[in-house]
C-alpha atoms as a PDB file:
ATOM      1  CA  MET A   1     -27.196  33.833   1.129  1.00  0.00           C
ATOM      2  CA  THR A   2     -28.165  35.627   4.427  1.00  0.00           C
ATOM      3  CA  SER A   3     -29.067  39.159   5.016  1.00  0.00           C
ATOM      4  CA  ALA A   4     -27.293  41.101   7.660  1.00  0.00           C
ATOM      5  CA  PRO A   5     -29.078  43.580   9.911  1.00  0.00           C
ATOM      6  CA  THR A   6     -26.797  46.447   7.839  1.00  0.00           C
ATOM      7  CA  GLY A   7     -28.587  45.226   4.842  1.00  0.00           C
ATOM      8  CA  LYS A   8     -25.276  43.915   3.411  1.00  0.00           C
ATOM      9  CA  THR A   9     -25.324  40.622   1.947  1.00  0.00           C
ATOM     10  CA  ILE A  10     -23.141  37.761   3.552  1.00  0.00           C
ATOM     11  CA  ARG A  11     -22.005  34.895   1.069  1.00  0.00           C
ATOM     12  CA  PHE A  12     -20.805  31.477   2.465  1.00  0.00           C
ATOM     13  CA  VAL A  13     -18.104  29.430   0.263  1.00  0.00           C
ATOM     14  CA  VAL A  14     -18.276  25.812   1.112  1.00  0.00           C
ATOM     15  CA  LEU A  15     -14.879  23.919   0.276  1.00  0.00           C
ATOM     16  CA  ALA A  16     -14.761  20.190  -0.067  1.00  0.00           C
ATOM     17  CA  ALA A  17     -11.376  18.240   0.530  1.00  0.00           C
ATOM     18  CA  ILE A  18     -10.365  15.298  -1.462  1.00  0.00           C
ATOM     19  CA  CYS A  19      -8.051  12.812  -0.139  1.00  0.00           C
ATOM     20  CA  GLY A  20      -5.371  11.990  -2.620  1.00  0.00           C
ATOM     21  CA  GLY A  21      -3.577   9.604   0.050  1.00  0.00           C
ATOM     22  CA  CYS A  22      -6.595   7.352   0.739  1.00  0.00           C
ATOM     23  CA  ALA A  23      -8.701   4.661  -1.009  1.00  0.00           C
ATOM     24  CA  THR A  24     -12.185   3.511   0.048  1.00  0.00           C
ATOM     25  CA  ALA A  25     -12.901  -0.199   0.412  1.00  0.00           C
ATOM     26  CA  GLY A  26     -15.977  -1.465  -1.123  1.00  0.00           C
ATOM     27  CA  THR A  27     -18.587   1.334  -0.638  1.00  0.00           C
ATOM     28  CA  PRO A  28     -18.100   5.067  -0.377  1.00  0.00           C
ATOM     29  CA  ALA A  29     -19.143   4.891   3.059  1.00  0.00           C
ATOM     30  CA  GLY A  30     -16.516   1.896   3.915  1.00  0.00           C
ATOM     31  CA  PRO A  31     -13.357   2.290   5.720  1.00  0.00           C
ATOM     32  CA  THR A  32     -10.546   4.118   4.230  1.00  0.00           C
ATOM     33  CA  VAL A  33      -6.974   2.678   3.816  1.00  0.00           C
ATOM     34  CA  GLY A  34      -4.050   4.634   4.023  1.00  0.00           C
ATOM     35  CA  PRO A  35      -0.379   4.678   5.506  1.00  0.00           C
ATOM     36  CA  GLN A  36      -1.827   4.322   9.002  1.00  0.00           C
ATOM     37  CA  SER A  37      -3.402   1.067   7.987  1.00  0.00           C
ATOM     38  CA  SER A  38      -1.869  -2.395   8.863  1.00  0.00           C
ATOM     39  CA  TRP A  39      -0.487  -4.479   5.913  1.00  0.00           C
ATOM     40  CA  GLU A  40      -3.094  -6.974   6.673  1.00  0.00           C
ATOM     41  CA  GLU A  41      -5.820  -4.256   5.894  1.00  0.00           C
ATOM     42  CA  ILE A  42      -4.006  -2.969   2.828  1.00  0.00           C
ATOM     43  CA  ARG A  43      -3.742  -6.331   1.248  1.00  0.00           C
ATOM     44  CA  ALA A  44      -7.329  -7.210   1.983  1.00  0.00           C
ATOM     45  CA  THR A  45      -8.764  -4.272   0.233  1.00  0.00           C
ATOM     46  CA  PRO A  46      -9.743  -5.130  -3.236  1.00  0.00           C
ATOM     47  CA  GLY A  47      -8.539  -3.008  -5.992  1.00  0.00           C
ATOM     48  CA  LEU A  48      -5.218  -1.815  -4.250  1.00  0.00           C
ATOM     49  CA  ILE A  49      -1.995  -2.967  -5.933  1.00  0.00           C
ATOM     50  CA  VAL A  50       1.125  -3.379  -3.476  1.00  0.00           C
ATOM     51  CA  LEU A  51       4.178  -2.392  -5.347  1.00  0.00           C
ATOM     52  CA  ALA A  52       6.692  -4.501  -3.122  1.00  0.00           C
ATOM     53  CA  PRO A  53      10.242  -5.147  -4.521  1.00  0.00           C
ATOM     54  CA  GLN A  54      11.400  -8.772  -5.067  1.00  0.00           C
ATOM     55  CA  ILE A  55      13.967 -10.766  -3.791  1.00  0.00           C
ATOM     56  CA  LEU A  56      15.670 -13.462  -5.861  1.00  0.00           C
ATOM     57  CA  PHE A  57      15.656 -16.998  -4.500  1.00  0.00           C
ATOM     58  CA  GLY A  58      17.754 -18.440  -7.248  1.00  0.00           C
ATOM     59  CA  THR A  59      15.915 -17.787 -10.226  1.00  0.00           C
ATOM     60  CA  ARG A  60      12.604 -17.000  -8.486  1.00  0.00           C
ATOM     61  CA  GLY A  61      11.551 -13.596  -7.553  1.00  0.00           C
ATOM     62  CA  VAL A  62       9.807 -13.305  -4.141  1.00  0.00           C
ATOM     63  CA  SER A  63       7.879 -10.187  -2.890  1.00  0.00           C
ATOM     64  CA  VAL A  64       9.392  -8.794   0.092  1.00  0.00           C
ATOM     65  CA  THR A  65       6.094  -9.096   1.780  1.00  0.00           C
ATOM     66  CA  ASP A  66       6.075 -12.906   1.427  1.00  0.00           C
ATOM     67  CA  VAL A  67       9.484 -13.258   3.119  1.00  0.00           C
ATOM     68  CA  CYS A  68      10.670 -13.713   6.736  1.00  0.00           C
ATOM     69  CA  VAL A  69      14.236 -13.436   8.228  1.00  0.00           C
ATOM     70  CA  SER A  70      15.662 -15.974  10.464  1.00  0.00           C
ATOM     71  CA  GLY A  71      19.167 -14.996  11.973  1.00  0.00           C
ATOM     72  CA  ASP A  72      21.384 -14.191   8.713  1.00  0.00           C
ATOM     73  CA  THR A  73      18.958 -15.934   6.299  1.00  0.00           C
ATOM     74  CA  LEU A  74      16.046 -14.883   4.602  1.00  0.00           C
ATOM     75  CA  ARG A  75      13.326 -17.567   3.884  1.00  0.00           C
ATOM     76  CA  ALA A  76      10.556 -17.809   1.232  1.00  0.00           C
ATOM     77  CA  PRO A  77       7.719 -20.439   0.982  1.00  0.00           C
ATOM     78  CA  THR A  78       8.043 -22.761  -1.810  1.00  0.00           C
ATOM     79  CA  THR A  79       5.249 -24.536  -3.763  1.00  0.00           C
ATOM     80  CA  GLY A  80       6.205 -27.959  -2.224  1.00  0.00           C
ATOM     81  CA  GLY A  81       5.618 -26.479   1.239  1.00  0.00           C
ATOM     82  CA  GLY A  82       9.405 -26.035   2.227  1.00  0.00           C
ATOM     83  CA  ALA A  83      11.340 -22.932   2.152  1.00  0.00           C
ATOM     84  CA  ALA A  84      13.976 -21.235  -0.005  1.00  0.00           C
ATOM     85  CA  GLU A  85      16.673 -19.493   1.697  1.00  0.00           C
ATOM     86  CA  VAL A  86      19.205 -16.785   0.694  1.00  0.00           C
ATOM     87  CA  ALA A  87      21.765 -15.006   2.828  1.00  0.00           C
ATOM     88  CA  VAL A  88      20.588 -11.559   4.330  1.00  0.00           C
ATOM     89  CA  ALA A  89      23.977 -10.251   3.864  1.00  0.00           C
ATOM     90  CA  GLY A  90      23.968  -6.924   1.722  1.00  0.00           C
ATOM     91  CA  ARG A  91      20.055  -7.175   1.632  1.00  0.00           C
ATOM     92  CA  PRO A  92      17.906  -4.336   3.359  1.00  0.00           C
ATOM     93  CA  LEU A  93      15.422  -5.498   5.836  1.00  0.00           C
ATOM     94  CA  ARG A  94      13.254  -2.347   5.712  1.00  0.00           C
ATOM     95  CA  HIS A  95      11.660  -1.178   2.346  1.00  0.00           C
ATOM     96  CA  MET A  96       9.545   1.641   1.528  1.00  0.00           C
ATOM     97  CA  ILE A  97       6.628   0.159  -0.460  1.00  0.00           C
ATOM     98  CA  ARG A  98       4.089   2.004  -2.927  1.00  0.00           C
ATOM     99  CA  VAL A  99       0.554   1.233  -2.683  1.00  0.00           C
ATOM    100  CA  GLY A 100      -1.842   2.150  -5.727  1.00  0.00           C
ATOM    101  CA  VAL A 101      -4.731   1.564  -7.838  1.00  0.00           C
ATOM    102  CA  PRO A 102      -5.140   1.013 -11.477  1.00  0.00           C
ATOM    103  CA  ALA A 103      -5.629   4.147 -13.751  1.00  0.00           C
ATOM    104  CA  GLY A 104      -6.379   4.522 -17.288  1.00  0.00           C
ATOM    105  CA  ASP A 105      -7.904   2.156 -19.756  1.00  0.00           C
ATOM    106  CA  ALA A 106      -7.008  -1.075 -21.168  1.00  0.00           C
ATOM    107  CA  GLU A 107      -4.660   0.512 -23.601  1.00  0.00           C
ATOM    108  CA  THR A 108      -3.019   3.048 -21.262  1.00  0.00           C
ATOM    109  CA  SER A 109      -2.955   1.093 -18.062  1.00  0.00           C
ATOM    110  CA  THR A 110      -0.902   2.784 -15.270  1.00  0.00           C
ATOM    111  CA  ILE A 111      -0.850   2.722 -11.547  1.00  0.00           C
ATOM    112  CA  ARG A 112      -1.837   5.855  -9.712  1.00  0.00           C
ATOM    113  CA  VAL A 113       0.235   5.667  -6.271  1.00  0.00           C
ATOM    114  CA  LEU A 114      -1.879   6.505  -3.370  1.00  0.00           C
ATOM    115  CA  PHE A 115       0.866   6.350  -0.636  1.00  0.00           C
ATOM    116  CA  VAL A 116       3.940   4.898   0.597  1.00  0.00           C
ATOM    117  CA  LYS A 117       4.328   2.793   3.742  1.00  0.00           C
ATOM    118  CA  PRO A 118       7.458   1.312   5.387  1.00  0.00           C
ATOM    119  CA  PHE A 119       7.738  -2.392   5.532  1.00  0.00           C
ATOM    120  CA  GLU A 120      10.259  -4.328   7.726  1.00  0.00           C
ATOM    121  CA  ILE A 121      10.780  -8.167   6.750  1.00  0.00           C
ATOM    122  CA  PRO A 122       9.380  -9.908   9.946  1.00  0.00           C
ATOM    123  CA  ALA A 123      11.024 -12.746  11.874  1.00  0.00           C
ATOM    124  CA  CYS A 124      10.167 -16.385  10.796  1.00  0.00           C
ATOM    125  CA  LYS A 125       7.560 -17.878  13.045  1.00  0.00           C
END
């Protein structure tokens, strides 16, 4: 508290803001990751969970983040070093992906969504 020349007391209130849309990587002083971050930064941040939709390649589901597009075909890597393919027709190339962190304990495990970020399936290299 500070005394003013008039004899009145002036009180200061300090408010702290909490970022509900950010996650810290590593230490509290580490970089923040949010919707402005690149997908490479997001995927490299320990503790984050990327809730990406899956695309079926036959009986195998592949995350949209692991798929590329070549003309009218979507491609996904296979364990043998090749690529599985499906037609693009009827499948969106742009997705809104939720990114979160684990919440709760072992019995009530859930995911707390921190932010949502657009993802567009890239062209194959």
